[in-house]
């Protein structure tokens, strides 16, 4: 199983009195892929930049996060599955 860092767009509906509004936000997650390269699962909570044992380890992880997110389009959760989002 392979994985990388990906941006996931999340959509939710918020009630504002009698009306509602759709809100979108973007989070960074580890995403895991099956043998066909399809995204199958992701971390429950977004990834943060806390808890590293050294500055170098943190810098290397942040560089990988940036490289991974620039190399692939954002994903979107649709009916409990991840799909690529063509326009950010």
N, C-alpha and C. Protein backbone atom coordinates (compact mmCIF):
# COMPACT_ATOMS: atom_id res chain seq x y z
N UNK A 1 0.86 -1.19 0.00
CA UNK A 1 0.00 0.00 0.00
C UNK A 1 0.90 1.24 0.00
N UNK A 2 0.59 2.16 -0.88
CA UNK A 2 1.35 3.40 -0.93
C UNK A 2 0.52 4.54 -0.34
N UNK A 3 1.19 5.62 -0.04
CA UNK A 3 0.48 6.78 0.51
C UNK A 3 1.24 8.04 0.12
N UNK A 4 0.55 9.17 0.26
CA UNK A 4 1.18 10.48 0.13
C UNK A 4 0.31 11.51 0.84
N UNK A 5 0.81 12.74 0.85
CA UNK A 5 0.04 13.83 1.43
C UNK A 5 -0.83 14.42 0.33
N UNK A 6 -2.11 14.64 0.63
CA UNK A 6 -3.02 15.25 -0.35
C UNK A 6 -3.92 16.26 0.35
N UNK A 7 -4.33 17.24 -0.41
CA UNK A 7 -5.33 18.19 0.06
C UNK A 7 -6.70 17.59 -0.22
N UNK A 8 -7.55 17.61 0.77
CA UNK A 8 -8.92 17.12 0.61
C UNK A 8 -9.88 18.28 0.87
N UNK A 9 -10.76 18.48 -0.11
CA UNK A 9 -11.81 19.49 0.03
C UNK A 9 -13.00 18.84 0.73
N UNK A 10 -13.47 19.51 1.77
CA UNK A 10 -14.62 19.01 2.53
C UNK A 10 -15.76 19.99 2.40
N UNK A 11 -16.95 19.47 2.24
CA UNK A 11 -18.15 20.29 2.06
C UNK A 11 -19.13 19.96 3.17
N UNK A 12 -19.71 21.01 3.72
CA UNK A 12 -20.76 20.80 4.73
C UNK A 12 -21.79 21.90 4.61
N UNK A 13 -22.98 21.60 5.06
CA UNK A 13 -24.08 22.56 5.04
C UNK A 13 -24.26 23.11 6.44
N UNK A 14 -24.33 24.43 6.55
CA UNK A 14 -24.49 25.11 7.82
C UNK A 14 -25.83 25.82 7.82
N UNK A 15 -26.60 25.61 8.89
CA UNK A 15 -27.89 26.29 8.99
C UNK A 15 -27.69 27.70 9.51
N UNK A 16 -28.35 28.65 8.85
CA UNK A 16 -28.33 30.05 9.24
C UNK A 16 -29.78 30.49 9.39
N UNK A 17 -30.34 30.19 10.55
CA UNK A 17 -31.76 30.50 10.75
C UNK A 17 -32.61 29.57 9.89
N UNK A 18 -33.46 30.15 9.02
CA UNK A 18 -34.30 29.35 8.14
C UNK A 18 -33.57 28.94 6.87
N UNK A 19 -32.43 29.53 6.63
CA UNK A 19 -31.66 29.23 5.42
C UNK A 19 -30.46 28.35 5.77
N UNK A 20 -29.81 27.86 4.75
CA UNK A 20 -28.57 27.13 4.95
C UNK A 20 -27.55 27.57 3.90
N UNK A 21 -26.32 27.33 4.22
CA UNK A 21 -25.23 27.73 3.33
C UNK A 21 -24.23 26.58 3.24
N UNK A 22 -23.71 26.36 2.04
CA UNK A 22 -22.71 25.33 1.85
C UNK A 22 -21.33 25.95 2.09
N UNK A 23 -20.55 25.29 2.93
CA UNK A 23 -19.22 25.75 3.29
C UNK A 23 -18.20 24.72 2.79
N UNK A 24 -17.11 25.21 2.21
CA UNK A 24 -16.02 24.35 1.76
C UNK A 24 -14.78 24.70 2.57
N UNK A 25 -14.02 23.69 2.97
CA UNK A 25 -12.71 23.95 3.55
C UNK A 25 -11.75 22.87 3.05
N UNK A 26 -10.47 23.18 3.15
CA UNK A 26 -9.42 22.31 2.64
C UNK A 26 -8.50 21.91 3.79
N UNK A 27 -8.19 20.61 3.87
CA UNK A 27 -7.29 20.09 4.90
C UNK A 27 -6.25 19.19 4.26
N UNK A 28 -5.13 19.04 4.93
CA UNK A 28 -4.06 18.16 4.48
C UNK A 28 -4.18 16.83 5.21
N UNK A 29 -4.19 15.73 4.44
CA UNK A 29 -4.31 14.38 5.00
C UNK A 29 -3.29 13.45 4.36
N UNK A 30 -2.99 12.36 5.05
CA UNK A 30 -2.30 11.25 4.42
C UNK A 30 -3.37 10.44 3.70
N UNK A 31 -3.13 10.12 2.43
CA UNK A 31 -4.08 9.35 1.64
C UNK A 31 -3.40 8.05 1.23
N UNK A 32 -4.13 6.95 1.34
CA UNK A 32 -3.61 5.61 1.04
C UNK A 32 -4.27 5.08 -0.23
N UNK A 33 -3.50 4.32 -1.01
CA UNK A 33 -3.93 3.86 -2.33
C UNK A 33 -3.90 2.34 -2.41
N UNK A 34 -4.79 1.78 -3.25
CA UNK A 34 -4.78 0.34 -3.50
C UNK A 34 -3.75 0.03 -4.59
N UNK A 35 -3.66 -1.23 -4.98
CA UNK A 35 -2.66 -1.65 -5.97
C UNK A 35 -2.91 -1.05 -7.35
N UNK A 36 -4.12 -0.53 -7.60
CA UNK A 36 -4.43 0.12 -8.88
C UNK A 36 -4.12 1.61 -8.84
N UNK A 37 -3.65 2.11 -7.71
CA UNK A 37 -3.34 3.53 -7.57
C UNK A 37 -4.55 4.39 -7.25
N UNK A 38 -5.64 3.77 -6.85
CA UNK A 38 -6.86 4.52 -6.51
C UNK A 38 -6.86 4.86 -5.02
N UNK A 39 -7.22 6.09 -4.67
CA UNK A 39 -7.26 6.44 -3.25
C UNK A 39 -8.38 5.67 -2.55
N UNK A 40 -8.02 5.02 -1.45
CA UNK A 40 -9.00 4.18 -0.76
C UNK A 40 -9.32 4.64 0.65
N UNK A 41 -8.37 5.31 1.30
CA UNK A 41 -8.62 5.77 2.67
C UNK A 41 -7.73 6.96 2.97
N UNK A 42 -8.03 7.62 4.09
CA UNK A 42 -7.29 8.80 4.49
C UNK A 42 -7.33 8.92 6.00
N UNK A 43 -6.39 9.69 6.53
CA UNK A 43 -6.36 9.88 7.98
C UNK A 43 -7.62 10.59 8.44
N UNK A 44 -8.12 10.19 9.60
CA UNK A 44 -9.35 10.77 10.12
C UNK A 44 -9.19 12.26 10.41
N UNK A 45 -8.07 12.61 11.03
CA UNK A 45 -7.80 14.01 11.36
C UNK A 45 -6.78 14.58 10.38
N UNK A 46 -6.87 15.87 10.08
CA UNK A 46 -5.87 16.50 9.22
C UNK A 46 -4.47 16.41 9.84
N UNK A 47 -3.48 16.46 8.99
CA UNK A 47 -2.09 16.40 9.42
C UNK A 47 -1.65 17.80 9.87
N UNK A 48 -0.86 17.85 10.95
CA UNK A 48 -0.30 19.13 11.37
C UNK A 48 1.21 19.01 11.44
N UNK A 49 1.87 20.07 11.76
CA UNK A 49 3.34 20.10 11.79
C UNK A 49 3.85 20.14 13.23
N UNK A 50 3.33 19.27 14.07
CA UNK A 50 3.73 19.23 15.47
C UNK A 50 4.39 17.90 15.82
N UNK A 51 5.24 17.90 16.83
CA UNK A 51 5.75 16.68 17.43
C UNK A 51 6.96 16.04 16.78
N UNK A 52 7.72 16.76 16.00
CA UNK A 52 8.91 16.19 15.37
C UNK A 52 10.08 16.18 16.35
N UNK A 53 10.99 15.23 16.19
CA UNK A 53 12.12 15.08 17.10
C UNK A 53 13.29 16.00 16.76
N UNK A 54 13.30 16.54 15.54
CA UNK A 54 14.37 17.46 15.17
C UNK A 54 13.85 18.47 14.15
N UNK A 55 14.57 19.57 14.05
CA UNK A 55 14.20 20.58 13.06
C UNK A 55 14.33 19.99 11.66
N UNK A 56 15.39 19.23 11.43
CA UNK A 56 15.63 18.64 10.11
C UNK A 56 14.49 17.71 9.70
N UNK A 57 14.04 16.87 10.64
CA UNK A 57 12.92 15.97 10.36
C UNK A 57 11.67 16.76 9.99
N UNK A 58 11.42 17.83 10.71
CA UNK A 58 10.26 18.67 10.43
C UNK A 58 10.39 19.32 9.06
N UNK A 59 11.56 19.85 8.74
CA UNK A 59 11.78 20.49 7.45
C UNK A 59 11.59 19.50 6.30
N UNK A 60 12.12 18.30 6.45
CA UNK A 60 11.98 17.28 5.40
C UNK A 60 10.52 16.89 5.19
N UNK A 61 9.78 16.77 6.29
CA UNK A 61 8.36 16.41 6.18
C UNK A 61 7.58 17.56 5.53
N UNK A 62 7.85 18.78 5.92
CA UNK A 62 7.16 19.92 5.32
C UNK A 62 7.46 20.02 3.82
N UNK A 63 8.70 19.75 3.43
CA UNK A 63 9.05 19.76 2.00
C UNK A 63 8.29 18.67 1.25
N UNK A 64 8.17 17.49 1.86
CA UNK A 64 7.42 16.40 1.20
C UNK A 64 5.94 16.77 1.10
N UNK A 65 5.40 17.36 2.15
CA UNK A 65 3.99 17.78 2.11
C UNK A 65 3.76 18.73 0.94
N UNK A 66 4.64 19.72 0.82
CA UNK A 66 4.50 20.70 -0.25
C UNK A 66 4.65 20.04 -1.62
N UNK A 67 5.66 19.22 -1.79
CA UNK A 67 5.89 18.55 -3.08
C UNK A 67 4.70 17.67 -3.46
N UNK A 68 4.18 16.89 -2.51
CA UNK A 68 3.04 16.01 -2.78
C UNK A 68 1.80 16.81 -3.19
N UNK A 69 1.54 17.90 -2.48
CA UNK A 69 0.31 18.66 -2.77
C UNK A 69 0.41 19.44 -4.07
N UNK A 70 1.63 19.81 -4.47
CA UNK A 70 1.80 20.50 -5.76
C UNK A 70 1.75 19.53 -6.93
N UNK A 71 2.08 18.27 -6.69
CA UNK A 71 2.15 17.27 -7.77
C UNK A 71 0.80 16.68 -8.15
N UNK A 72 -0.19 16.81 -7.29
CA UNK A 72 -1.49 16.17 -7.53
C UNK A 72 -2.63 17.14 -7.22
N UNK A 73 -3.72 17.04 -7.97
CA UNK A 73 -4.86 17.92 -7.68
C UNK A 73 -5.53 17.56 -6.36
N UNK A 74 -6.27 18.49 -5.79
CA UNK A 74 -7.00 18.18 -4.55
C UNK A 74 -7.98 17.03 -4.76
N UNK A 75 -8.31 16.38 -3.68
CA UNK A 75 -9.33 15.34 -3.68
C UNK A 75 -10.58 15.90 -3.02
N UNK A 76 -11.69 15.22 -3.25
CA UNK A 76 -12.96 15.63 -2.65
C UNK A 76 -13.66 14.37 -2.15
N UNK A 77 -14.30 14.47 -1.01
CA UNK A 77 -15.06 13.34 -0.48
C UNK A 77 -16.44 13.36 -1.12
N UNK A 78 -16.78 12.27 -1.79
CA UNK A 78 -18.07 12.15 -2.45
C UNK A 78 -18.67 10.79 -2.12
N UNK A 79 -19.75 10.80 -1.36
CA UNK A 79 -20.42 9.58 -0.93
C UNK A 79 -19.46 8.63 -0.22
N UNK A 80 -18.61 9.19 0.63
CA UNK A 80 -17.70 8.39 1.43
C UNK A 80 -16.45 7.92 0.71
N UNK A 81 -16.27 8.33 -0.54
CA UNK A 81 -15.09 7.94 -1.31
C UNK A 81 -14.36 9.20 -1.78
N UNK A 82 -13.09 9.03 -2.07
CA UNK A 82 -12.30 10.15 -2.57
C UNK A 82 -12.31 10.17 -4.09
N UNK A 83 -12.44 11.36 -4.66
CA UNK A 83 -12.33 11.52 -6.09
C UNK A 83 -11.49 12.76 -6.37
N UNK A 84 -10.81 12.76 -7.50
CA UNK A 84 -9.99 13.92 -7.85
C UNK A 84 -10.87 15.09 -8.21
N UNK A 85 -10.46 16.23 -7.75
CA UNK A 85 -11.16 17.47 -8.03
C UNK A 85 -10.37 18.21 -9.11
N UNK A 86 -10.95 18.39 -10.27
CA UNK A 86 -10.24 18.95 -11.41
C UNK A 86 -9.93 20.44 -11.27
N UNK A 87 -10.83 21.20 -10.66
CA UNK A 87 -10.59 22.63 -10.49
C UNK A 87 -10.56 22.95 -9.00
N UNK A 88 -9.45 23.51 -8.52
CA UNK A 88 -9.35 23.80 -7.08
C UNK A 88 -10.28 24.88 -6.60
